[in-house]
Amino acid sequence: MATIRRTRRLPGISTIRPTVTISPIIDSSLVAPRAAMSDAAATRRMAEDMREAVYREGGLTEEGLELLGYSADQIGALVRPARAMANRLAALA
């Protein structure tokens, strides 16, 4: 007994092709890789990450900075200047 193939399709539509679209908000939410940043850019970004973390979870540890993509060398060299910058930015807000 042969099956009727047309029963599996909508009338008048032979093939439905999925359309994939990527929201523009995704492009705007991407952050440059932190380990590849220059010291000045990494210090600024680290200060912003510290300020954001204070509101989300109360602070940021060295392990948290590593999870965000900072290298151990960056963390050792830039934590103090980034903390000072974060404090200055918080005072301005």
N, C-alpha and C. Protein backbone atom coordinates (compact mmCIF):
# COMPACT_ATOMS: atom_id res chain seq x y z
N MET A 1 0.85 -1.16 0.00
CA MET A 1 0.00 0.00 0.00
C MET A 1 0.90 1.24 0.00
N ALA A 2 0.69 2.13 -0.92
CA ALA A 2 1.50 3.33 -1.05
C ALA A 2 0.94 4.44 -0.15
N THR A 3 1.84 5.19 0.45
CA THR A 3 1.39 6.31 1.28
C THR A 3 1.18 7.53 0.40
N ILE A 4 0.33 8.36 0.80
CA ILE A 4 0.07 9.59 0.05
C ILE A 4 0.96 10.68 0.64
N ARG A 5 1.93 11.15 -0.15
CA ARG A 5 2.92 12.11 0.33
C ARG A 5 2.31 13.50 0.52
N ARG A 6 1.32 13.82 -0.25
CA ARG A 6 0.79 15.18 -0.17
C ARG A 6 0.06 15.46 1.14
N THR A 7 -0.25 14.44 1.89
CA THR A 7 -0.92 14.66 3.17
C THR A 7 0.02 15.26 4.21
N ARG A 8 1.34 15.20 3.97
CA ARG A 8 2.29 15.75 4.92
C ARG A 8 2.61 17.21 4.64
N ARG A 9 2.08 17.78 3.59
CA ARG A 9 2.38 19.15 3.21
C ARG A 9 1.13 20.02 3.25
N LEU A 10 1.38 21.30 3.43
CA LEU A 10 0.28 22.24 3.34
C LEU A 10 -0.10 22.43 1.88
N PRO A 11 -1.33 22.67 1.59
CA PRO A 11 -1.72 22.84 0.20
C PRO A 11 -1.03 24.07 -0.42
N GLY A 12 -0.42 23.87 -1.57
CA GLY A 12 0.20 24.97 -2.30
C GLY A 12 1.62 25.30 -1.85
N ILE A 13 2.14 24.65 -0.82
CA ILE A 13 3.50 24.92 -0.35
C ILE A 13 4.30 23.64 -0.51
N SER A 14 5.34 23.72 -1.35
CA SER A 14 6.12 22.51 -1.58
C SER A 14 7.25 22.37 -0.56
N THR A 15 7.93 23.48 -0.25
CA THR A 15 9.04 23.42 0.70
C THR A 15 9.05 24.68 1.54
N ILE A 16 9.19 24.53 2.83
CA ILE A 16 9.31 25.67 3.73
C ILE A 16 10.78 25.79 4.12
N ARG A 17 11.39 26.91 3.78
CA ARG A 17 12.79 27.13 4.11
C ARG A 17 12.88 28.04 5.34
N PRO A 18 13.60 27.60 6.37
CA PRO A 18 13.73 28.44 7.56
C PRO A 18 14.59 29.67 7.27
N THR A 19 14.24 30.77 7.89
CA THR A 19 14.99 32.01 7.75
C THR A 19 15.69 32.28 9.08
N VAL A 20 17.00 32.45 9.02
CA VAL A 20 17.78 32.72 10.21
C VAL A 20 18.17 34.18 10.21
N THR A 21 17.81 34.88 11.27
CA THR A 21 18.21 36.28 11.41
C THR A 21 18.89 36.45 12.76
N ILE A 22 19.87 37.32 12.78
CA ILE A 22 20.59 37.61 14.02
C ILE A 22 20.24 39.02 14.44
N SER A 23 19.80 39.14 15.64
CA SER A 23 19.38 40.43 16.15
C SER A 23 20.56 41.40 16.22
N PRO A 24 20.35 42.67 15.86
CA PRO A 24 21.44 43.65 15.96
C PRO A 24 21.89 43.89 17.40
N ILE A 25 21.05 43.55 18.36
CA ILE A 25 21.45 43.75 19.76
C ILE A 25 22.62 42.84 20.14
N ILE A 26 22.75 41.70 19.47
CA ILE A 26 23.85 40.79 19.77
C ILE A 26 25.18 41.44 19.40
N ASP A 27 25.23 42.10 18.24
CA ASP A 27 26.46 42.77 17.83
C ASP A 27 26.85 43.86 18.81
N SER A 28 25.88 44.56 19.35
CA SER A 28 26.20 45.65 20.26
C SER A 28 26.56 45.15 21.65
N SER A 29 26.27 43.90 21.96
CA SER A 29 26.55 43.39 23.30
C SER A 29 27.92 42.73 23.40
N LEU A 30 28.60 42.56 22.30
CA LEU A 30 29.91 41.91 22.34
C LEU A 30 30.97 42.86 22.85
N VAL A 31 31.87 42.34 23.67
CA VAL A 31 32.99 43.11 24.22
C VAL A 31 34.26 42.55 23.62
N ALA A 32 35.19 43.41 23.29
CA ALA A 32 36.46 42.96 22.73
C ALA A 32 37.16 42.02 23.71
N PRO A 33 37.93 41.06 23.22
CA PRO A 33 38.66 40.15 24.13
C PRO A 33 39.55 40.95 25.07
N ARG A 34 39.40 40.73 26.35
CA ARG A 34 40.10 41.54 27.33
C ARG A 34 41.60 41.26 27.37
N ALA A 35 42.02 40.03 27.12
CA ALA A 35 43.44 39.70 27.18
C ALA A 35 44.23 40.38 26.06
N ALA A 36 43.56 40.75 24.96
CA ALA A 36 44.24 41.37 23.83
C ALA A 36 44.23 42.90 23.90
N MET A 37 43.61 43.47 24.92
CA MET A 37 43.50 44.93 25.01
C MET A 37 44.83 45.56 25.43
N SER A 38 44.99 46.82 25.05
CA SER A 38 46.13 47.58 25.54
C SER A 38 45.93 47.85 27.03
N ASP A 39 47.00 48.26 27.71
CA ASP A 39 46.90 48.48 29.16
C ASP A 39 45.88 49.56 29.50
N ALA A 40 45.85 50.64 28.73
CA ALA A 40 44.91 51.73 29.01
C ALA A 40 43.47 51.27 28.82
N ALA A 41 43.21 50.57 27.70
CA ALA A 41 41.85 50.08 27.44
C ALA A 41 41.44 49.01 28.45
N ALA A 42 42.38 48.14 28.82
CA ALA A 42 42.07 47.09 29.78
C ALA A 42 41.81 47.67 31.17
N THR A 43 42.55 48.72 31.54
CA THR A 43 42.31 49.36 32.83
C THR A 43 40.92 49.96 32.88
N ARG A 44 40.53 50.65 31.81
CA ARG A 44 39.19 51.27 31.74
C ARG A 44 38.10 50.19 31.79
N ARG A 45 38.27 49.12 31.00
CA ARG A 45 37.27 48.05 30.97
C ARG A 45 37.20 47.32 32.31
N MET A 46 38.36 47.11 32.95
CA MET A 46 38.38 46.46 34.26
C MET A 46 37.67 47.31 35.30
N ALA A 47 37.86 48.63 35.23
CA ALA A 47 37.17 49.53 36.15
C ALA A 47 35.66 49.45 35.94
N GLU A 48 35.22 49.40 34.69
CA GLU A 48 33.79 49.27 34.40
C GLU A 48 33.27 47.91 34.89
N ASP A 49 34.04 46.86 34.67
CA ASP A 49 33.63 45.53 35.15
C ASP A 49 33.50 45.51 36.67
N MET A 50 34.42 46.18 37.35
CA MET A 50 34.36 46.25 38.81
C MET A 50 33.11 46.99 39.28
N ARG A 51 32.81 48.10 38.62
CA ARG A 51 31.61 48.87 38.99
C ARG A 51 30.34 48.08 38.75
N GLU A 52 30.27 47.38 37.62
CA GLU A 52 29.08 46.58 37.32
C GLU A 52 28.93 45.42 38.32
N ALA A 53 30.05 44.81 38.69
CA ALA A 53 30.00 43.67 39.61
C ALA A 53 29.55 44.09 41.01
N VAL A 54 29.86 45.31 41.41
CA VAL A 54 29.42 45.79 42.73
C VAL A 54 27.90 45.77 42.82
N TYR A 55 27.24 46.17 41.74
CA TYR A 55 25.77 46.20 41.76
C TYR A 55 25.17 44.81 41.61
N ARG A 56 25.83 43.93 40.86
CA ARG A 56 25.28 42.59 40.63
C ARG A 56 25.53 41.65 41.79
N GLU A 57 26.79 41.49 42.16
CA GLU A 57 27.11 40.49 43.18
C GLU A 57 27.92 41.00 44.34
N GLY A 58 28.11 42.32 44.45
CA GLY A 58 28.78 42.88 45.60
C GLY A 58 30.28 43.07 45.45
N GLY A 59 30.86 42.65 44.36
CA GLY A 59 32.29 42.83 44.14
C GLY A 59 32.81 41.83 43.13
N LEU A 60 34.12 41.91 42.91
CA LEU A 60 34.74 41.07 41.90
C LEU A 60 36.08 40.55 42.43
N THR A 61 36.31 39.27 42.32
CA THR A 61 37.56 38.67 42.79
C THR A 61 38.52 38.48 41.61
N GLU A 62 39.74 38.07 41.92
CA GLU A 62 40.70 37.79 40.85
C GLU A 62 40.21 36.65 39.96
N GLU A 63 39.59 35.66 40.57
CA GLU A 63 39.02 34.55 39.78
C GLU A 63 37.92 35.06 38.85
N GLY A 64 37.13 35.99 39.33
CA GLY A 64 36.09 36.58 38.50
C GLY A 64 36.67 37.34 37.32
N LEU A 65 37.78 38.04 37.56
CA LEU A 65 38.44 38.74 36.46
C LEU A 65 38.99 37.76 35.43
N GLU A 66 39.53 36.64 35.90
CA GLU A 66 40.00 35.61 34.97
C GLU A 66 38.86 35.04 34.15
N LEU A 67 37.70 34.85 34.78
CA LEU A 67 36.54 34.35 34.04
C LEU A 67 36.06 35.34 32.99
N LEU A 68 36.28 36.63 33.24
CA LEU A 68 35.91 37.65 32.26
C LEU A 68 36.90 37.72 31.10
N GLY A 69 38.05 37.08 31.23
CA GLY A 69 38.98 37.02 30.11
C GLY A 69 40.27 37.79 30.30
N TYR A 70 40.52 38.32 31.49
CA TYR A 70 41.78 39.02 31.73
C TYR A 70 42.89 38.00 31.99
N SER A 71 44.09 38.31 31.53
CA SER A 71 45.22 37.42 31.78
C SER A 71 45.74 37.67 33.21
N ALA A 72 46.51 36.73 33.72
CA ALA A 72 47.07 36.87 35.06
C ALA A 72 48.01 38.07 35.13
N ASP A 73 48.76 38.32 34.06
CA ASP A 73 49.65 39.48 34.03
C ASP A 73 48.86 40.79 34.10
N GLN A 74 47.76 40.85 33.37
CA GLN A 74 46.92 42.05 33.41
C GLN A 74 46.35 42.25 34.80
N ILE A 75 45.89 41.18 35.40
CA ILE A 75 45.29 41.31 36.73
C ILE A 75 46.33 41.82 37.73
N GLY A 76 47.53 41.27 37.69
CA GLY A 76 48.57 41.70 38.61
C GLY A 76 48.98 43.14 38.42
N ALA A 77 49.02 43.59 37.18
CA ALA A 77 49.51 44.94 36.90
C ALA A 77 48.43 46.00 36.96
N LEU A 78 47.18 45.65 36.66
CA LEU A 78 46.15 46.68 36.45
C LEU A 78 45.07 46.75 37.52
N VAL A 79 45.09 45.86 38.49
CA VAL A 79 44.02 45.86 39.49
C VAL A 79 43.99 47.16 40.29
N ARG A 80 45.12 47.60 40.78
CA ARG A 80 45.14 48.82 41.61
C ARG A 80 44.72 50.06 40.82
N PRO A 81 45.30 50.31 39.63
CA PRO A 81 44.84 51.48 38.88
C PRO A 81 43.37 51.38 38.47
N ALA A 82 42.91 50.16 38.16
CA ALA A 82 41.50 49.99 37.78
C ALA A 82 40.59 50.24 38.96
N ARG A 83 40.99 49.80 40.15
CA ARG A 83 40.18 50.04 41.35
C ARG A 83 40.09 51.54 41.63
N ALA A 84 41.23 52.25 41.50
CA ALA A 84 41.23 53.70 41.71
C ALA A 84 40.32 54.38 40.70
N MET A 85 40.39 53.95 39.44
CA MET A 85 39.53 54.53 38.40
C MET A 85 38.07 54.23 38.68
N ALA A 86 37.76 53.01 39.11
CA ALA A 86 36.37 52.64 39.44
C ALA A 86 35.84 53.51 40.57
N ASN A 87 36.68 53.77 41.56
CA ASN A 87 36.25 54.64 42.67
C ASN A 87 35.99 56.07 42.19
N ARG A 88 36.86 56.58 41.31
CA ARG A 88 36.65 57.93 40.76
C ARG A 88 35.36 57.98 39.93
N LEU A 89 35.15 56.97 39.11
CA LEU A 89 33.93 56.94 38.27
C LEU A 89 32.68 56.83 39.13
N ALA A 90 32.75 56.08 40.21
CA ALA A 90 31.60 55.94 41.10
C ALA A 90 31.30 57.26 41.82
N ALA A 91 32.34 58.02 42.13
CA ALA A 91 32.14 59.30 42.80
C ALA A 91 31.50 60.32 41.85
N LEU A 92 31.77 60.19 40.55
CA LEU A 92 31.21 61.11 39.57
C LEU A 92 29.76 60.82 39.25
N ALA A 93 29.36 59.57 39.44
CA ALA A 93 28.00 59.18 39.05
C ALA A 93 26.94 59.65 40.02
